[in-house]
Amino acid sequence: MQNIKNIKELLNSGGARIRALKIRGEARRNVLAAVRASLPPLAAEAVISARIDQEILTLGVTSGGWATRLRSAAADRRRRGGAGRGAPIR
């Protein structure tokens, strides 16, 4: 017979891997919130995920059109001298 546990019990058990996942999830939520706060409302709604890995910001958006718009906006911002929030834009 299998040992079946409630998902809530597993998440609250405090294992090292679960804690690491919780920390990474919280960091991603913070990055997503910061990205959305820096964008106009319509663009913010199009961003569905965001992460920073080795100083590279990666966004997940709802469509290719939004990806193109955001890439263009990032390129314009780089030409004007960066994000203005302490992190370089590459």
N, C-alpha and C. Protein backbone atom coordinates (compact mmCIF):
# COMPACT_ATOMS: atom_id res chain seq x y z
N MET A 1 0.84 -1.18 0.00
CA MET A 1 0.00 0.00 0.00
C MET A 1 0.89 1.25 0.00
N GLN A 2 0.46 2.27 -0.73
CA GLN A 2 1.23 3.51 -0.81
C GLN A 2 0.99 4.38 0.41
N ASN A 3 2.04 5.12 0.77
CA ASN A 3 1.92 6.09 1.85
C ASN A 3 1.47 7.41 1.21
N ILE A 4 0.23 7.78 1.40
CA ILE A 4 -0.34 8.99 0.78
C ILE A 4 -0.35 10.10 1.81
N LYS A 5 0.18 11.28 1.39
CA LYS A 5 0.20 12.45 2.26
C LYS A 5 -0.56 13.58 1.59
N ASN A 6 -1.16 14.39 2.39
CA ASN A 6 -1.82 15.59 1.94
C ASN A 6 -0.77 16.57 1.43
N ILE A 7 -1.04 17.23 0.31
CA ILE A 7 -0.08 18.19 -0.26
C ILE A 7 0.25 19.28 0.75
N LYS A 8 -0.75 19.75 1.47
CA LYS A 8 -0.51 20.79 2.49
C LYS A 8 0.49 20.30 3.53
N GLU A 9 0.37 19.04 3.93
CA GLU A 9 1.31 18.47 4.90
C GLU A 9 2.73 18.46 4.33
N LEU A 10 2.86 18.08 3.06
CA LEU A 10 4.19 18.05 2.43
C LEU A 10 4.80 19.45 2.39
N LEU A 11 4.00 20.45 2.00
CA LEU A 11 4.52 21.81 1.90
C LEU A 11 4.89 22.38 3.26
N ASN A 12 4.17 21.99 4.28
CA ASN A 12 4.44 22.50 5.63
C ASN A 12 5.47 21.66 6.39
N SER A 13 5.93 20.56 5.79
CA SER A 13 6.85 19.67 6.51
C SER A 13 8.21 20.30 6.74
N GLY A 14 8.59 21.25 5.90
CA GLY A 14 9.83 21.98 6.15
C GLY A 14 11.09 21.35 5.62
N GLY A 15 10.98 20.43 4.67
CA GLY A 15 12.17 19.84 4.07
C GLY A 15 12.99 20.90 3.35
N ALA A 16 14.28 20.62 3.21
CA ALA A 16 15.19 21.60 2.59
C ALA A 16 14.79 21.92 1.16
N ARG A 17 14.40 20.93 0.39
CA ARG A 17 14.01 21.18 -1.00
C ARG A 17 12.73 22.01 -1.08
N ILE A 18 11.80 21.73 -0.20
CA ILE A 18 10.55 22.49 -0.18
C ILE A 18 10.83 23.94 0.22
N ARG A 19 11.68 24.15 1.22
CA ARG A 19 12.04 25.52 1.63
C ARG A 19 12.70 26.27 0.49
N ALA A 20 13.60 25.60 -0.24
CA ALA A 20 14.27 26.24 -1.38
C ALA A 20 13.26 26.63 -2.46
N LEU A 21 12.30 25.77 -2.71
CA LEU A 21 11.26 26.09 -3.70
C LEU A 21 10.41 27.28 -3.25
N LYS A 22 10.08 27.32 -1.98
CA LYS A 22 9.31 28.45 -1.44
C LYS A 22 10.07 29.76 -1.59
N ILE A 23 11.36 29.73 -1.28
CA ILE A 23 12.19 30.94 -1.39
C ILE A 23 12.28 31.39 -2.84
N ARG A 24 12.50 30.45 -3.76
CA ARG A 24 12.60 30.80 -5.18
C ARG A 24 11.25 31.33 -5.70
N GLY A 25 10.16 30.74 -5.26
CA GLY A 25 8.84 31.22 -5.66
C GLY A 25 8.57 32.63 -5.17
N GLU A 26 8.94 32.92 -3.94
CA GLU A 26 8.77 34.26 -3.38
C GLU A 26 9.61 35.27 -4.14
N ALA A 27 10.84 34.90 -4.48
CA ALA A 27 11.72 35.81 -5.24
C ALA A 27 11.11 36.11 -6.60
N ARG A 28 10.57 35.10 -7.26
CA ARG A 28 9.94 35.32 -8.56
C ARG A 28 8.72 36.22 -8.45
N ARG A 29 7.92 36.02 -7.42
CA ARG A 29 6.74 36.89 -7.21
C ARG A 29 7.18 38.33 -7.00
N ASN A 30 8.26 38.54 -6.27
CA ASN A 30 8.77 39.90 -6.05
C ASN A 30 9.26 40.54 -7.34
N VAL A 31 9.97 39.77 -8.15
CA VAL A 31 10.46 40.29 -9.44
C VAL A 31 9.28 40.63 -10.34
N LEU A 32 8.30 39.74 -10.40
CA LEU A 32 7.11 39.99 -11.23
C LEU A 32 6.39 41.25 -10.78
N ALA A 33 6.23 41.43 -9.49
CA ALA A 33 5.56 42.62 -8.97
C ALA A 33 6.34 43.88 -9.33
N ALA A 34 7.66 43.84 -9.21
CA ALA A 34 8.49 45.01 -9.54
C ALA A 34 8.41 45.34 -11.03
N VAL A 35 8.44 44.31 -11.87
CA VAL A 35 8.36 44.53 -13.32
C VAL A 35 7.00 45.14 -13.66
N ARG A 36 5.93 44.55 -13.15
CA ARG A 36 4.59 45.07 -13.45
C ARG A 36 4.43 46.51 -12.96
N ALA A 37 5.00 46.83 -11.81
CA ALA A 37 4.88 48.19 -11.26
C ALA A 37 5.61 49.21 -12.12
N SER A 38 6.62 48.77 -12.87
CA SER A 38 7.40 49.70 -13.68
C SER A 38 6.81 49.90 -15.09
N LEU A 39 5.75 49.18 -15.41
CA LEU A 39 5.17 49.25 -16.76
C LEU A 39 3.82 49.96 -16.75
N PRO A 40 3.42 50.48 -17.91
CA PRO A 40 2.06 51.00 -18.03
C PRO A 40 1.05 49.86 -17.80
N PRO A 41 -0.16 50.18 -17.36
CA PRO A 41 -1.13 49.14 -16.99
C PRO A 41 -1.37 48.06 -18.04
N LEU A 42 -1.55 48.42 -19.30
CA LEU A 42 -1.81 47.40 -20.32
C LEU A 42 -0.63 46.46 -20.50
N ALA A 43 0.56 47.01 -20.49
CA ALA A 43 1.76 46.17 -20.62
C ALA A 43 1.93 45.30 -19.38
N ALA A 44 1.65 45.85 -18.22
CA ALA A 44 1.79 45.08 -16.97
C ALA A 44 0.88 43.86 -16.97
N GLU A 45 -0.32 44.02 -17.49
CA GLU A 45 -1.26 42.89 -17.55
C GLU A 45 -0.76 41.78 -18.47
N ALA A 46 0.04 42.14 -19.47
CA ALA A 46 0.54 41.15 -20.43
C ALA A 46 1.70 40.32 -19.88
N VAL A 47 2.35 40.79 -18.82
CA VAL A 47 3.49 40.06 -18.25
C VAL A 47 2.95 39.02 -17.26
N ILE A 48 3.22 37.75 -17.55
CA ILE A 48 2.68 36.68 -16.69
C ILE A 48 3.74 36.00 -15.84
N SER A 49 5.02 36.20 -16.18
CA SER A 49 6.09 35.66 -15.33
C SER A 49 7.35 36.50 -15.53
N ALA A 50 8.19 36.48 -14.52
CA ALA A 50 9.45 37.23 -14.58
C ALA A 50 10.45 36.56 -13.65
N ARG A 51 11.70 36.50 -14.11
CA ARG A 51 12.76 35.97 -13.26
C ARG A 51 14.07 36.63 -13.63
N ILE A 52 14.99 36.62 -12.69
CA ILE A 52 16.34 37.11 -12.93
C ILE A 52 17.28 35.94 -12.69
N ASP A 53 18.10 35.66 -13.70
CA ASP A 53 19.08 34.59 -13.59
C ASP A 53 20.39 35.11 -14.13
N GLN A 54 21.41 35.16 -13.30
CA GLN A 54 22.73 35.69 -13.66
C GLN A 54 22.60 37.09 -14.26
N GLU A 55 21.86 37.94 -13.60
CA GLU A 55 21.65 39.34 -13.97
C GLU A 55 20.91 39.53 -15.29
N ILE A 56 20.23 38.50 -15.76
CA ILE A 56 19.44 38.61 -16.99
C ILE A 56 17.97 38.47 -16.62
N LEU A 57 17.18 39.49 -16.97
CA LEU A 57 15.74 39.47 -16.72
C LEU A 57 15.05 38.75 -17.86
N THR A 58 14.24 37.75 -17.53
CA THR A 58 13.47 37.02 -18.52
C THR A 58 12.00 37.19 -18.19
N LEU A 59 11.22 37.63 -19.18
CA LEU A 59 9.79 37.83 -18.99
C LEU A 59 9.01 36.82 -19.81
N GLY A 60 7.91 36.37 -19.26
CA GLY A 60 6.93 35.59 -19.99
C GLY A 60 5.73 36.50 -20.23
N VAL A 61 5.28 36.59 -21.47
CA VAL A 61 4.18 37.48 -21.81
C VAL A 61 3.08 36.71 -22.53
N THR A 62 1.94 37.36 -22.68
CA THR A 62 0.76 36.69 -23.22
C THR A 62 0.79 36.48 -24.73
N SER A 63 1.62 37.22 -25.44
CA SER A 63 1.64 37.07 -26.90
C SER A 63 2.98 37.54 -27.48
N GLY A 64 3.20 37.15 -28.72
CA GLY A 64 4.41 37.59 -29.42
C GLY A 64 4.43 39.09 -29.64
N GLY A 65 3.24 39.67 -29.82
CA GLY A 65 3.17 41.12 -30.00
C GLY A 65 3.66 41.87 -28.78
N TRP A 66 3.27 41.40 -27.60
CA TRP A 66 3.75 42.05 -26.37
C TRP A 66 5.24 41.82 -26.19
N ALA A 67 5.73 40.65 -26.56
CA ALA A 67 7.17 40.39 -26.46
C ALA A 67 7.94 41.39 -27.32
N THR A 68 7.46 41.63 -28.52
CA THR A 68 8.12 42.59 -29.42
C THR A 68 8.09 43.99 -28.84
N ARG A 69 6.94 44.41 -28.32
CA ARG A 69 6.83 45.75 -27.73
C ARG A 69 7.77 45.92 -26.55
N LEU A 70 7.83 44.93 -25.69
CA LEU A 70 8.69 45.04 -24.51
C LEU A 70 10.17 44.99 -24.87
N ARG A 71 10.53 44.17 -25.86
CA ARG A 71 11.93 44.16 -26.31
C ARG A 71 12.31 45.53 -26.86
N SER A 72 11.43 46.13 -27.63
CA SER A 72 11.69 47.45 -28.21
C SER A 72 11.82 48.50 -27.10
N ALA A 73 10.93 48.44 -26.13
CA ALA A 73 10.98 49.40 -25.02
C ALA A 73 12.28 49.23 -24.22
N ALA A 74 12.72 47.99 -24.02
CA ALA A 74 13.97 47.75 -23.28
C ALA A 74 15.15 48.30 -24.07
N ALA A 75 15.14 48.11 -25.38
CA ALA A 75 16.24 48.64 -26.21
C ALA A 75 16.27 50.16 -26.15
N ASP A 76 15.12 50.80 -26.19
CA ASP A 76 15.06 52.27 -26.07
C ASP A 76 15.61 52.72 -24.72
N ARG A 77 15.24 52.02 -23.68
CA ARG A 77 15.69 52.38 -22.33
C ARG A 77 17.19 52.21 -22.18
N ARG A 78 17.74 51.14 -22.78
CA ARG A 78 19.20 50.94 -22.75
C ARG A 78 19.91 52.10 -23.43
N ARG A 79 19.38 52.52 -24.57
CA ARG A 79 20.00 53.63 -25.30
C ARG A 79 19.96 54.93 -24.50
N ARG A 80 18.93 55.10 -23.66
CA ARG A 80 18.81 56.31 -22.86
C ARG A 80 19.59 56.23 -21.55
N GLY A 81 20.20 55.08 -21.26
CA GLY A 81 21.06 55.02 -20.10
C GLY A 81 20.63 54.11 -18.99
N GLY A 82 19.82 53.12 -19.24
CA GLY A 82 19.53 52.12 -18.22
C GLY A 82 18.17 52.28 -17.57
N ALA A 83 17.95 51.41 -16.62
CA ALA A 83 16.64 51.30 -15.97
C ALA A 83 16.39 52.39 -14.95
N GLY A 84 17.45 52.93 -14.36
CA GLY A 84 17.26 53.95 -13.34
C GLY A 84 16.90 53.39 -11.98
N ARG A 85 16.94 52.07 -11.82
CA ARG A 85 16.60 51.45 -10.53
C ARG A 85 17.77 50.68 -9.95
N GLY A 86 18.97 50.98 -10.43
CA GLY A 86 20.14 50.36 -9.84
C GLY A 86 20.61 49.09 -10.51
N ALA A 87 19.84 48.55 -11.45
CA ALA A 87 20.26 47.33 -12.13
C ALA A 87 20.45 47.62 -13.61
N PRO A 88 21.55 47.14 -14.17
CA PRO A 88 21.76 47.38 -15.60
C PRO A 88 20.76 46.60 -16.44
N ILE A 89 20.45 47.12 -17.59
CA ILE A 89 19.60 46.41 -18.55
C ILE A 89 20.51 45.91 -19.66
N ARG A 90 20.45 44.60 -19.91
CA ARG A 90 21.26 44.02 -20.98
C ARG A 90 20.36 43.46 -22.06
